[in-house]
ModelCIF file with pLDDT and N, C-alpha, C, O atoms, coordinates in Angstrom:
data_MODEL
#
_entry.id   MODEL 
#
_entity.id                         1 
_entity.type                       polymer 
_entity.pdbx_number_of_molecules   1 
#
_entity_poly.entity_id                      1 
_entity_poly.type                           'polypeptide(L)' 
_entity_poly.nstd_linkage                   no 
_entity_poly.nstd_monomer                   no 
_entity_poly.pdbx_seq_one_letter_code       
;(UNK)(UNK)(UNK)(UNK)(UNK)(UNK)(UNK)(UNK)(UNK)(UNK)(UNK)(UNK)(UNK)(UNK)(UNK)(UNK)
(UNK)(UNK)(UNK)(UNK)(UNK)(UNK)(UNK)(UNK)(UNK)(UNK)(UNK)(UNK)(UNK)(UNK)(UNK)(UNK)
(UNK)(UNK)(UNK)(UNK)(UNK)(UNK)(UNK)(UNK)(UNK)(UNK)(UNK)(UNK)(UNK)(UNK)
;
_entity_poly.pdbx_seq_one_letter_code_can   XXXXXXXXXXXXXXXXXXXXXXXXXXXXXXXXXXXXXXXXXXXXXX 
_entity_poly.pdbx_strand_id                 A 
#
loop_
_entity_poly_seq.entity_id 
_entity_poly_seq.num 
_entity_poly_seq.mon_id 
_entity_poly_seq.hetero 
1 1  UNK n 
1 2  UNK n 
1 3  UNK n 
1 4  UNK n 
1 5  UNK n 
1 6  UNK n 
1 7  UNK n 
1 8  UNK n 
1 9  UNK n 
1 10 UNK n 
1 11 UNK n 
1 12 UNK n 
1 13 UNK n 
1 14 UNK n 
1 15 UNK n 
1 16 UNK n 
1 17 UNK n 
1 18 UNK n 
1 19 UNK n 
1 20 UNK n 
1 21 UNK n 
1 22 UNK n 
1 23 UNK n 
1 24 UNK n 
1 25 UNK n 
1 26 UNK n 
1 27 UNK n 
1 28 UNK n 
1 29 UNK n 
1 30 UNK n 
1 31 UNK n 
1 32 UNK n 
1 33 UNK n 
1 34 UNK n 
1 35 UNK n 
1 36 UNK n 
1 37 UNK n 
1 38 UNK n 
1 39 UNK n 
1 40 UNK n 
1 41 UNK n 
1 42 UNK n 
1 43 UNK n 
1 44 UNK n 
1 45 UNK n 
1 46 UNK n 
#
_struct_asym.id          A 
_struct_asym.entity_id   1 
#
loop_
_ma_qa_metric.id 
_ma_qa_metric.mode 
_ma_qa_metric.name 
_ma_qa_metric.software_group_id 
_ma_qa_metric.type 
1 global pLDDT . pLDDT 
2 local  pLDDT . pLDDT 
#
_ma_qa_metric_global.metric_id      1 
_ma_qa_metric_global.metric_value   86.04 
_ma_qa_metric_global.model_id       1 
_ma_qa_metric_global.ordinal_id     1 
#
loop_
_ma_qa_metric_local.label_asym_id 
_ma_qa_metric_local.label_comp_id 
_ma_qa_metric_local.label_seq_id 
_ma_qa_metric_local.metric_id 
_ma_qa_metric_local.metric_value 
_ma_qa_metric_local.model_id 
_ma_qa_metric_local.ordinal_id 
A UNK 1  2 95.00 1 1  
A UNK 2  2 94.00 1 2  
A UNK 3  2 94.00 1 3  
A UNK 4  2 95.00 1 4  
A UNK 5  2 94.00 1 5  
A UNK 6  2 92.00 1 6  
A UNK 7  2 93.00 1 7  
A UNK 8  2 93.00 1 8  
A UNK 9  2 93.00 1 9  
A UNK 10 2 94.00 1 10 
A UNK 11 2 94.00 1 11 
A UNK 12 2 95.00 1 12 
A UNK 13 2 94.00 1 13 
A UNK 14 2 94.00 1 14 
A UNK 15 2 93.00 1 15 
A UNK 16 2 94.00 1 16 
A UNK 17 2 91.00 1 17 
A UNK 18 2 91.00 1 18 
A UNK 19 2 93.00 1 19 
A UNK 20 2 91.00 1 20 
A UNK 21 2 89.00 1 21 
A UNK 22 2 91.00 1 22 
A UNK 23 2 90.00 1 23 
A UNK 24 2 87.00 1 24 
A UNK 25 2 88.00 1 25 
A UNK 26 2 89.00 1 26 
A UNK 27 2 87.00 1 27 
A UNK 28 2 83.00 1 28 
A UNK 29 2 80.00 1 29 
A UNK 30 2 72.00 1 30 
A UNK 31 2 57.00 1 31 
A UNK 32 2 59.00 1 32 
A UNK 33 2 52.00 1 33 
A UNK 34 2 57.00 1 34 
A UNK 35 2 61.00 1 35 
A UNK 36 2 72.00 1 36 
A UNK 37 2 75.00 1 37 
A UNK 38 2 81.00 1 38 
A UNK 39 2 84.00 1 39 
A UNK 40 2 88.00 1 40 
A UNK 41 2 90.00 1 41 
A UNK 42 2 91.00 1 42 
A UNK 43 2 92.00 1 43 
A UNK 44 2 92.00 1 44 
A UNK 45 2 91.00 1 45 
A UNK 46 2 93.00 1 46 
#
loop_
_atom_site.group_PDB 
_atom_site.id 
_atom_site.type_symbol 
_atom_site.label_atom_id 
_atom_site.label_alt_id 
_atom_site.label_comp_id 
_atom_site.label_asym_id 
_atom_site.label_entity_id 
_atom_site.label_seq_id 
_atom_site.pdbx_PDB_ins_code 
_atom_site.Cartn_x 
_atom_site.Cartn_y 
_atom_site.Cartn_z 
_atom_site.occupancy 
_atom_site.B_iso_or_equiv 
_atom_site.pdbx_formal_charge 
_atom_site.auth_seq_id 
_atom_site.auth_comp_id 
_atom_site.auth_asym_id 
_atom_site.auth_atom_id 
_atom_site.pdbx_PDB_model_num 
ATOM 1   N N  . UNK A 1 1  ? 43.094 -51.367 -29.834 1.00 95.00 ? 1  UNK A N  1 
ATOM 2   C CA . UNK A 1 1  ? 41.665 -51.216 -29.563 1.00 95.00 ? 1  UNK A CA 1 
ATOM 3   C C  . UNK A 1 1  ? 41.220 -52.184 -28.477 1.00 95.00 ? 1  UNK A C  1 
ATOM 4   O O  . UNK A 1 1  ? 40.508 -51.798 -27.551 1.00 95.00 ? 1  UNK A O  1 
ATOM 5   N N  . UNK A 1 2  ? 41.635 -53.428 -28.587 1.00 94.00 ? 2  UNK A N  1 
ATOM 6   C CA . UNK A 1 2  ? 41.244 -54.435 -27.590 1.00 94.00 ? 2  UNK A CA 1 
ATOM 7   C C  . UNK A 1 2  ? 41.760 -54.060 -26.203 1.00 94.00 ? 2  UNK A C  1 
ATOM 8   O O  . UNK A 1 2  ? 41.036 -54.184 -25.215 1.00 94.00 ? 2  UNK A O  1 
ATOM 9   N N  . UNK A 1 3  ? 43.002 -53.605 -26.128 1.00 94.00 ? 3  UNK A N  1 
ATOM 10  C CA . UNK A 1 3  ? 43.596 -53.236 -24.842 1.00 94.00 ? 3  UNK A CA 1 
ATOM 11  C C  . UNK A 1 3  ? 42.887 -52.018 -24.249 1.00 94.00 ? 3  UNK A C  1 
ATOM 12  O O  . UNK A 1 3  ? 42.645 -51.963 -23.043 1.00 94.00 ? 3  UNK A O  1 
ATOM 13  N N  . UNK A 1 4  ? 42.558 -51.052 -25.089 1.00 95.00 ? 4  UNK A N  1 
ATOM 14  C CA . UNK A 1 4  ? 41.903 -49.849 -24.561 1.00 95.00 ? 4  UNK A CA 1 
ATOM 15  C C  . UNK A 1 4  ? 40.464 -50.134 -24.135 1.00 95.00 ? 4  UNK A C  1 
ATOM 16  O O  . UNK A 1 4  ? 39.989 -49.559 -23.156 1.00 95.00 ? 4  UNK A O  1 
ATOM 17  N N  . UNK A 1 5  ? 39.760 -51.015 -24.857 1.00 94.00 ? 5  UNK A N  1 
ATOM 18  C CA . UNK A 1 5  ? 38.370 -51.317 -24.529 1.00 94.00 ? 5  UNK A CA 1 
ATOM 19  C C  . UNK A 1 5  ? 38.226 -52.334 -23.401 1.00 94.00 ? 5  UNK A C  1 
ATOM 20  O O  . UNK A 1 5  ? 37.255 -52.288 -22.646 1.00 94.00 ? 5  UNK A O  1 
ATOM 21  N N  . UNK A 1 6  ? 39.171 -53.238 -23.284 1.00 92.00 ? 6  UNK A N  1 
ATOM 22  C CA . UNK A 1 6  ? 39.112 -54.289 -22.265 1.00 92.00 ? 6  UNK A CA 1 
ATOM 23  C C  . UNK A 1 6  ? 40.494 -54.450 -21.636 1.00 92.00 ? 6  UNK A C  1 
ATOM 24  O O  . UNK A 1 6  ? 41.185 -55.429 -21.920 1.00 92.00 ? 6  UNK A O  1 
ATOM 25  N N  . UNK A 1 7  ? 40.905 -53.520 -20.797 1.00 93.00 ? 7  UNK A N  1 
ATOM 26  C CA . UNK A 1 7  ? 42.282 -53.527 -20.281 1.00 93.00 ? 7  UNK A CA 1 
ATOM 27  C C  . UNK A 1 7  ? 42.647 -54.725 -19.406 1.00 93.00 ? 7  UNK A C  1 
ATOM 28  O O  . UNK A 1 7  ? 43.832 -54.987 -19.200 1.00 93.00 ? 7  UNK A O  1 
ATOM 29  N N  . UNK A 1 8  ? 41.676 -55.446 -18.896 1.00 93.00 ? 8  UNK A N  1 
ATOM 30  C CA . UNK A 1 8  ? 41.989 -56.627 -18.061 1.00 93.00 ? 8  UNK A CA 1 
ATOM 31  C C  . UNK A 1 8  ? 41.980 -57.916 -18.874 1.00 93.00 ? 8  UNK A C  1 
ATOM 32  O O  . UNK A 1 8  ? 42.279 -58.986 -18.343 1.00 93.00 ? 8  UNK A O  1 
ATOM 33  N N  . UNK A 1 9  ? 41.650 -57.825 -20.118 1.00 93.00 ? 9  UNK A N  1 
ATOM 34  C CA . UNK A 1 9  ? 41.596 -58.990 -20.998 1.00 93.00 ? 9  UNK A CA 1 
ATOM 35  C C  . UNK A 1 9  ? 42.992 -59.361 -21.482 1.00 93.00 ? 9  UNK A C  1 
ATOM 36  O O  . UNK A 1 9  ? 43.806 -58.480 -21.761 1.00 93.00 ? 9  UNK A O  1 
ATOM 37  N N  . UNK A 1 10 ? 43.273 -60.640 -21.583 1.00 94.00 ? 10 UNK A N  1 
ATOM 38  C CA . UNK A 1 10 ? 44.534 -61.133 -22.151 1.00 94.00 ? 10 UNK A CA 1 
ATOM 39  C C  . UNK A 1 10 ? 44.311 -61.461 -23.624 1.00 94.00 ? 10 UNK A C  1 
ATOM 40  O O  . UNK A 1 10 ? 43.227 -61.886 -24.024 1.00 94.00 ? 10 UNK A O  1 
ATOM 41  N N  . UNK A 1 11 ? 45.346 -61.259 -24.412 1.00 94.00 ? 11 UNK A N  1 
ATOM 42  C CA . UNK A 1 11 ? 45.270 -61.495 -25.851 1.00 94.00 ? 11 UNK A CA 1 
ATOM 43  C C  . UNK A 1 11 ? 46.103 -62.714 -26.231 1.00 94.00 ? 11 UNK A C  1 
ATOM 44  O O  . UNK A 1 11 ? 47.153 -62.968 -25.641 1.00 94.00 ? 11 UNK A O  1 
ATOM 45  N N  . UNK A 1 12 ? 45.627 -63.464 -27.218 1.00 95.00 ? 12 UNK A N  1 
ATOM 46  C CA . UNK A 1 12 ? 46.352 -64.601 -27.774 1.00 95.00 ? 12 UNK A CA 1 
ATOM 47  C C  . UNK A 1 12 ? 46.416 -64.391 -29.280 1.00 95.00 ? 12 UNK A C  1 
ATOM 48  O O  . UNK A 1 12 ? 45.391 -64.165 -29.922 1.00 95.00 ? 12 UNK A O  1 
ATOM 49  N N  . UNK A 1 13 ? 47.607 -64.466 -29.842 1.00 94.00 ? 13 UNK A N  1 
ATOM 50  C CA . UNK A 1 13 ? 47.788 -64.278 -31.277 1.00 94.00 ? 13 UNK A CA 1 
ATOM 51  C C  . UNK A 1 13 ? 48.033 -65.623 -31.947 1.00 94.00 ? 13 UNK A C  1 
ATOM 52  O O  . UNK A 1 13 ? 48.825 -66.432 -31.463 1.00 94.00 ? 13 UNK A O  1 
ATOM 53  N N  . UNK A 1 14 ? 47.348 -65.858 -33.063 1.00 94.00 ? 14 UNK A N  1 
ATOM 54  C CA . UNK A 1 14 ? 47.518 -67.077 -33.848 1.00 94.00 ? 14 UNK A CA 1 
ATOM 55  C C  . UNK A 1 14 ? 47.814 -66.674 -35.280 1.00 94.00 ? 14 UNK A C  1 
ATOM 56  O O  . UNK A 1 14 ? 47.211 -65.735 -35.799 1.00 94.00 ? 14 UNK A O  1 
ATOM 57  N N  . UNK A 1 15 ? 48.733 -67.370 -35.920 1.00 93.00 ? 15 UNK A N  1 
ATOM 58  C CA . UNK A 1 15 ? 49.027 -67.035 -37.303 1.00 93.00 ? 15 UNK A CA 1 
ATOM 59  C C  . UNK A 1 15 ? 49.586 -68.204 -38.068 1.00 93.00 ? 15 UNK A C  1 
ATOM 60  O O  . UNK A 1 15 ? 50.297 -69.049 -37.524 1.00 93.00 ? 15 UNK A O  1 
ATOM 61  N N  . UNK A 1 16 ? 49.253 -68.238 -39.340 1.00 94.00 ? 16 UNK A N  1 
ATOM 62  C CA . UNK A 1 16 ? 49.797 -69.244 -40.249 1.00 94.00 ? 16 UNK A CA 1 
ATOM 63  C C  . UNK A 1 16 ? 50.371 -68.529 -41.469 1.00 94.00 ? 16 UNK A C  1 
ATOM 64  O O  . UNK A 1 16 ? 49.729 -67.636 -42.023 1.00 94.00 ? 16 UNK A O  1 
ATOM 65  N N  . UNK A 1 17 ? 51.545 -68.903 -41.880 1.00 91.00 ? 17 UNK A N  1 
ATOM 66  C CA . UNK A 1 17 ? 52.225 -68.373 -43.043 1.00 91.00 ? 17 UNK A CA 1 
ATOM 67  C C  . UNK A 1 17 ? 52.377 -66.856 -42.913 1.00 91.00 ? 17 UNK A C  1 
ATOM 68  O O  . UNK A 1 17 ? 53.008 -66.389 -41.965 1.00 91.00 ? 17 UNK A O  1 
ATOM 69  N N  . UNK A 1 18 ? 51.821 -66.081 -43.832 1.00 91.00 ? 18 UNK A N  1 
ATOM 70  C CA . UNK A 1 18 ? 51.962 -64.633 -43.746 1.00 91.00 ? 18 UNK A CA 1 
ATOM 71  C C  . UNK A 1 18 ? 51.357 -64.108 -42.445 1.00 91.00 ? 18 UNK A C  1 
ATOM 72  O O  . UNK A 1 18 ? 51.857 -63.130 -41.889 1.00 91.00 ? 18 UNK A O  1 
ATOM 73  N N  . UNK A 1 19 ? 50.302 -64.732 -41.954 1.00 93.00 ? 19 UNK A N  1 
ATOM 74  C CA . UNK A 1 19 ? 49.709 -64.337 -40.668 1.00 93.00 ? 19 UNK A CA 1 
ATOM 75  C C  . UNK A 1 19 ? 50.670 -64.554 -39.515 1.00 93.00 ? 19 UNK A C  1 
ATOM 76  O O  . UNK A 1 19 ? 50.662 -63.790 -38.549 1.00 93.00 ? 19 UNK A O  1 
ATOM 77  N N  . UNK A 1 20 ? 51.496 -65.584 -39.604 1.00 91.00 ? 20 UNK A N  1 
ATOM 78  C CA . UNK A 1 20 ? 52.509 -65.814 -38.571 1.00 91.00 ? 20 UNK A CA 1 
ATOM 79  C C  . UNK A 1 20 ? 53.562 -64.715 -38.613 1.00 91.00 ? 20 UNK A C  1 
ATOM 80  O O  . UNK A 1 20 ? 54.007 -64.229 -37.573 1.00 91.00 ? 20 UNK A O  1 
ATOM 81  N N  . UNK A 1 21 ? 53.954 -64.329 -39.814 1.00 89.00 ? 21 UNK A N  1 
ATOM 82  C CA . UNK A 1 21 ? 54.932 -63.249 -39.938 1.00 89.00 ? 21 UNK A CA 1 
ATOM 83  C C  . UNK A 1 21 ? 54.335 -61.937 -39.433 1.00 89.00 ? 21 UNK A C  1 
ATOM 84  O O  . UNK A 1 21 ? 55.029 -61.147 -38.794 1.00 89.00 ? 21 UNK A O  1 
ATOM 85  N N  . UNK A 1 22 ? 53.070 -61.704 -39.713 1.00 91.00 ? 22 UNK A N  1 
ATOM 86  C CA . UNK A 1 22 ? 52.397 -60.499 -39.220 1.00 91.00 ? 22 UNK A CA 1 
ATOM 87  C C  . UNK A 1 22 ? 52.411 -60.466 -37.691 1.00 91.00 ? 22 UNK A C  1 
ATOM 88  O O  . UNK A 1 22 ? 52.795 -59.455 -37.102 1.00 91.00 ? 22 UNK A O  1 
ATOM 89  N N  . UNK A 1 23 ? 52.002 -61.545 -37.049 1.00 90.00 ? 23 UNK A N  1 
ATOM 90  C CA . UNK A 1 23 ? 51.932 -61.527 -35.586 1.00 90.00 ? 23 UNK A CA 1 
ATOM 91  C C  . UNK A 1 23 ? 53.307 -61.394 -34.949 1.00 90.00 ? 23 UNK A C  1 
ATOM 92  O O  . UNK A 1 23 ? 53.441 -60.767 -33.898 1.00 90.00 ? 23 UNK A O  1 
ATOM 93  N N  . UNK A 1 24 ? 54.335 -61.977 -35.570 1.00 87.00 ? 24 UNK A N  1 
ATOM 94  C CA . UNK A 1 24 ? 55.680 -61.825 -35.014 1.00 87.00 ? 24 UNK A CA 1 
ATOM 95  C C  . UNK A 1 24 ? 56.208 -60.409 -35.220 1.00 87.00 ? 24 UNK A C  1 
ATOM 96  O O  . UNK A 1 24 ? 56.875 -59.866 -34.339 1.00 87.00 ? 24 UNK A O  1 
ATOM 97  N N  . UNK A 1 25 ? 55.920 -59.810 -36.363 1.00 88.00 ? 25 UNK A N  1 
ATOM 98  C CA . UNK A 1 25 ? 56.378 -58.442 -36.604 1.00 88.00 ? 25 UNK A CA 1 
ATOM 99  C C  . UNK A 1 25 ? 55.656 -57.455 -35.690 1.00 88.00 ? 25 UNK A C  1 
ATOM 100 O O  . UNK A 1 25 ? 56.243 -56.453 -35.282 1.00 88.00 ? 25 UNK A O  1 
ATOM 101 N N  . UNK A 1 26 ? 54.413 -57.720 -35.368 1.00 89.00 ? 26 UNK A N  1 
ATOM 102 C CA . UNK A 1 26 ? 53.684 -56.856 -34.426 1.00 89.00 ? 26 UNK A CA 1 
ATOM 103 C C  . UNK A 1 26 ? 54.336 -56.925 -33.045 1.00 89.00 ? 26 UNK A C  1 
ATOM 104 O O  . UNK A 1 26 ? 54.533 -55.897 -32.398 1.00 89.00 ? 26 UNK A O  1 
ATOM 105 N N  . UNK A 1 27 ? 54.663 -58.111 -32.605 1.00 87.00 ? 27 UNK A N  1 
ATOM 106 C CA . UNK A 1 27 ? 55.173 -58.271 -31.245 1.00 87.00 ? 27 UNK A CA 1 
ATOM 107 C C  . UNK A 1 27 ? 56.669 -58.042 -31.110 1.00 87.00 ? 27 UNK A C  1 
ATOM 108 O O  . UNK A 1 27 ? 57.127 -57.568 -30.070 1.00 87.00 ? 27 UNK A O  1 
ATOM 109 N N  . UNK A 1 28 ? 57.441 -58.370 -32.144 1.00 83.00 ? 28 UNK A N  1 
ATOM 110 C CA . UNK A 1 28 ? 58.896 -58.280 -32.032 1.00 83.00 ? 28 UNK A CA 1 
ATOM 111 C C  . UNK A 1 28 ? 59.516 -57.271 -32.984 1.00 83.00 ? 28 UNK A C  1 
ATOM 112 O O  . UNK A 1 28 ? 60.721 -57.028 -32.918 1.00 83.00 ? 28 UNK A O  1 
ATOM 113 N N  . UNK A 1 29 ? 58.732 -56.686 -33.855 1.00 80.00 ? 29 UNK A N  1 
ATOM 114 C CA . UNK A 1 29 ? 59.273 -55.797 -34.867 1.00 80.00 ? 29 UNK A CA 1 
ATOM 115 C C  . UNK A 1 29 ? 59.704 -56.598 -36.078 1.00 80.00 ? 29 UNK A C  1 
ATOM 116 O O  . UNK A 1 29 ? 59.829 -57.821 -36.016 1.00 80.00 ? 29 UNK A O  1 
ATOM 117 N N  . UNK A 1 30 ? 59.925 -55.912 -37.161 1.00 72.00 ? 30 UNK A N  1 
ATOM 118 C CA . UNK A 1 30 ? 60.321 -56.555 -38.406 1.00 72.00 ? 30 UNK A CA 1 
ATOM 119 C C  . UNK A 1 30 ? 61.821 -56.743 -38.395 1.00 72.00 ? 30 UNK A C  1 
ATOM 120 O O  . UNK A 1 30 ? 62.575 -55.770 -38.390 1.00 72.00 ? 30 UNK A O  1 
ATOM 121 N N  . UNK A 1 31 ? 62.251 -57.971 -38.391 1.00 57.00 ? 31 UNK A N  1 
ATOM 122 C CA . UNK A 1 31 ? 63.671 -58.261 -38.282 1.00 57.00 ? 31 UNK A CA 1 
ATOM 123 C C  . UNK A 1 31 ? 64.292 -58.725 -39.586 1.00 57.00 ? 31 UNK A C  1 
ATOM 124 O O  . UNK A 1 31 ? 65.508 -58.904 -39.658 1.00 57.00 ? 31 UNK A O  1 
ATOM 125 N N  . UNK A 1 32 ? 63.484 -58.923 -40.616 1.00 59.00 ? 32 UNK A N  1 
ATOM 126 C CA . UNK A 1 32 ? 64.062 -59.327 -41.892 1.00 59.00 ? 32 UNK A CA 1 
ATOM 127 C C  . UNK A 1 32 ? 65.014 -58.236 -42.367 1.00 59.00 ? 32 UNK A C  1 
ATOM 128 O O  . UNK A 1 32 ? 64.918 -57.085 -41.940 1.00 59.00 ? 32 UNK A O  1 
ATOM 129 N N  . UNK A 1 33 ? 65.919 -58.604 -43.243 1.00 52.00 ? 33 UNK A N  1 
ATOM 130 C CA . UNK A 1 33 ? 66.887 -57.626 -43.762 1.00 52.00 ? 33 UNK A CA 1 
ATOM 131 C C  . UNK A 1 33 ? 66.156 -56.395 -44.290 1.00 52.00 ? 33 UNK A C  1 
ATOM 132 O O  . UNK A 1 33 ? 65.262 -56.501 -45.129 1.00 52.00 ? 33 UNK A O  1 
ATOM 133 N N  . UNK A 1 34 ? 66.545 -55.241 -43.793 1.00 57.00 ? 34 UNK A N  1 
ATOM 134 C CA . UNK A 1 34 ? 65.941 -53.987 -44.238 1.00 57.00 ? 34 UNK A CA 1 
ATOM 135 C C  . UNK A 1 34 ? 64.598 -53.693 -43.612 1.00 57.00 ? 34 UNK A C  1 
ATOM 136 O O  . UNK A 1 34 ? 63.913 -52.769 -44.051 1.00 57.00 ? 34 UNK A O  1 
ATOM 137 N N  . UNK A 1 35 ? 64.197 -54.444 -42.604 1.00 61.00 ? 35 UNK A N  1 
ATOM 138 C CA . UNK A 1 35 ? 62.896 -54.247 -41.978 1.00 61.00 ? 35 UNK A CA 1 
ATOM 139 C C  . UNK A 1 35 ? 62.769 -52.885 -41.323 1.00 61.00 ? 35 UNK A C  1 
ATOM 140 O O  . UNK A 1 35 ? 63.742 -52.344 -40.799 1.00 61.00 ? 35 UNK A O  1 
ATOM 141 N N  . UNK A 1 36 ? 61.562 -52.333 -41.357 1.00 72.00 ? 36 UNK A N  1 
ATOM 142 C CA . UNK A 1 36 ? 61.338 -50.995 -40.815 1.00 72.00 ? 36 UNK A CA 1 
ATOM 143 C C  . UNK A 1 36 ? 60.187 -50.943 -39.816 1.00 72.00 ? 36 UNK A C  1 
ATOM 144 O O  . UNK A 1 36 ? 59.833 -49.857 -39.356 1.00 72.00 ? 36 UNK A O  1 
ATOM 145 N N  . UNK A 1 37 ? 59.599 -52.075 -39.469 1.00 75.00 ? 37 UNK A N  1 
ATOM 146 C CA . UNK A 1 37 ? 58.454 -52.107 -38.566 1.00 75.00 ? 37 UNK A CA 1 
ATOM 147 C C  . UNK A 1 37 ? 58.939 -52.255 -37.131 1.00 75.00 ? 37 UNK A C  1 
ATOM 148 O O  . UNK A 1 37 ? 59.686 -53.182 -36.818 1.00 75.00 ? 37 UNK A O  1 
ATOM 149 N N  . UNK A 1 38 ? 58.519 -51.352 -36.265 1.00 81.00 ? 38 UNK A N  1 
ATOM 150 C CA . UNK A 1 38 ? 58.880 -51.430 -34.845 1.00 81.00 ? 38 UNK A CA 1 
ATOM 151 C C  . UNK A 1 38 ? 57.871 -52.306 -34.106 1.00 81.00 ? 38 UNK A C  1 
ATOM 152 O O  . UNK A 1 38 ? 56.710 -52.410 -34.501 1.00 81.00 ? 38 UNK A O  1 
ATOM 153 N N  . UNK A 1 39 ? 58.329 -52.923 -33.044 1.00 84.00 ? 39 UNK A N  1 
ATOM 154 C CA . UNK A 1 39 ? 57.440 -53.739 -32.209 1.00 84.00 ? 39 UNK A CA 1 
ATOM 155 C C  . UNK A 1 39 ? 56.400 -52.850 -31.543 1.00 84.00 ? 39 UNK A C  1 
ATOM 156 O O  . UNK A 1 39 ? 56.659 -51.678 -31.269 1.00 84.00 ? 39 UNK A O  1 
ATOM 157 N N  . UNK A 1 40 ? 55.227 -53.408 -31.285 1.00 88.00 ? 40 UNK A N  1 
ATOM 158 C CA . UNK A 1 40 ? 54.181 -52.693 -30.567 1.00 88.00 ? 40 UNK A CA 1 
ATOM 159 C C  . UNK A 1 40 ? 54.703 -52.322 -29.173 1.00 88.00 ? 40 UNK A C  1 
ATOM 160 O O  . UNK A 1 40 ? 55.569 -53.009 -28.632 1.00 88.00 ? 40 UNK A O  1 
ATOM 161 N N  . UNK A 1 41 ? 54.191 -51.265 -28.609 1.00 90.00 ? 41 UNK A N  1 
ATOM 162 C CA . UNK A 1 41 ? 54.672 -50.807 -27.302 1.00 90.00 ? 41 UNK A CA 1 
ATOM 163 C C  . UNK A 1 41 ? 54.414 -51.851 -26.214 1.00 90.00 ? 41 UNK A C  1 
ATOM 164 O O  . UNK A 1 41 ? 53.501 -52.668 -26.332 1.00 90.00 ? 41 UNK A O  1 
ATOM 165 N N  . UNK A 1 42 ? 55.210 -51.817 -25.174 1.00 91.00 ? 42 UNK A N  1 
ATOM 166 C CA . UNK A 1 42 ? 55.039 -52.770 -24.074 1.00 91.00 ? 42 UNK A CA 1 
ATOM 167 C C  . UNK A 1 42 ? 53.721 -52.555 -23.344 1.00 91.00 ? 42 UNK A C  1 
ATOM 168 O O  . UNK A 1 42 ? 53.217 -53.482 -22.711 1.00 91.00 ? 42 UNK A O  1 
ATOM 169 N N  . UNK A 1 43 ? 53.151 -51.354 -23.415 1.00 92.00 ? 43 UNK A N  1 
ATOM 170 C CA . UNK A 1 43 ? 51.834 -51.132 -22.794 1.00 92.00 ? 43 UNK A CA 1 
ATOM 171 C C  . UNK A 1 43 ? 50.763 -51.965 -23.486 1.00 92.00 ? 43 UNK A C  1 
ATOM 172 O O  . UNK A 1 43 ? 49.722 -52.249 -22.893 1.00 92.00 ? 43 UNK A O  1 
ATOM 173 N N  . UNK A 1 44 ? 51.008 -52.358 -24.732 1.00 92.00 ? 44 UNK A N  1 
ATOM 174 C CA . UNK A 1 44 ? 50.092 -53.231 -25.467 1.00 92.00 ? 44 UNK A CA 1 
ATOM 175 C C  . UNK A 1 44 ? 50.569 -54.677 -25.386 1.00 92.00 ? 44 UNK A C  1 
ATOM 176 O O  . UNK A 1 44 ? 49.776 -55.571 -25.090 1.00 92.00 ? 44 UNK A O  1 
ATOM 177 N N  . UNK A 1 45 ? 51.850 -54.918 -25.643 1.00 91.00 ? 45 UNK A N  1 
ATOM 178 C CA . UNK A 1 45 ? 52.353 -56.302 -25.663 1.00 91.00 ? 45 UNK A CA 1 
ATOM 179 C C  . UNK A 1 45 ? 52.258 -56.983 -24.306 1.00 91.00 ? 45 UNK A C  1 
ATOM 180 O O  . UNK A 1 45 ? 52.230 -58.212 -24.237 1.00 91.00 ? 45 UNK A O  1 
ATOM 181 N N  . UNK A 1 46 ? 52.210 -56.215 -23.234 1.00 93.00 ? 46 UNK A N  1 
ATOM 182 C CA . UNK A 1 46 ? 52.086 -56.821 -21.902 1.00 93.00 ? 46 UNK A CA 1 
ATOM 183 C C  . UNK A 1 46 ? 50.742 -57.523 -21.713 1.00 93.00 ? 46 UNK A C  1 
ATOM 184 O O  . UNK A 1 46 ? 50.482 -58.082 -20.647 1.00 93.00 ? 46 UNK A O  1 
#
């Protein structure tokens, strides 16, 4: 939503504990054993 509404805006992700795991799984995909979450597309992560 942020990228589509403000395409020139840069994003900064902050996370602590479970929030840190959430932000890493969004950007890098879920890498824990048996993980099934794919990383967000490069059109967003860029």
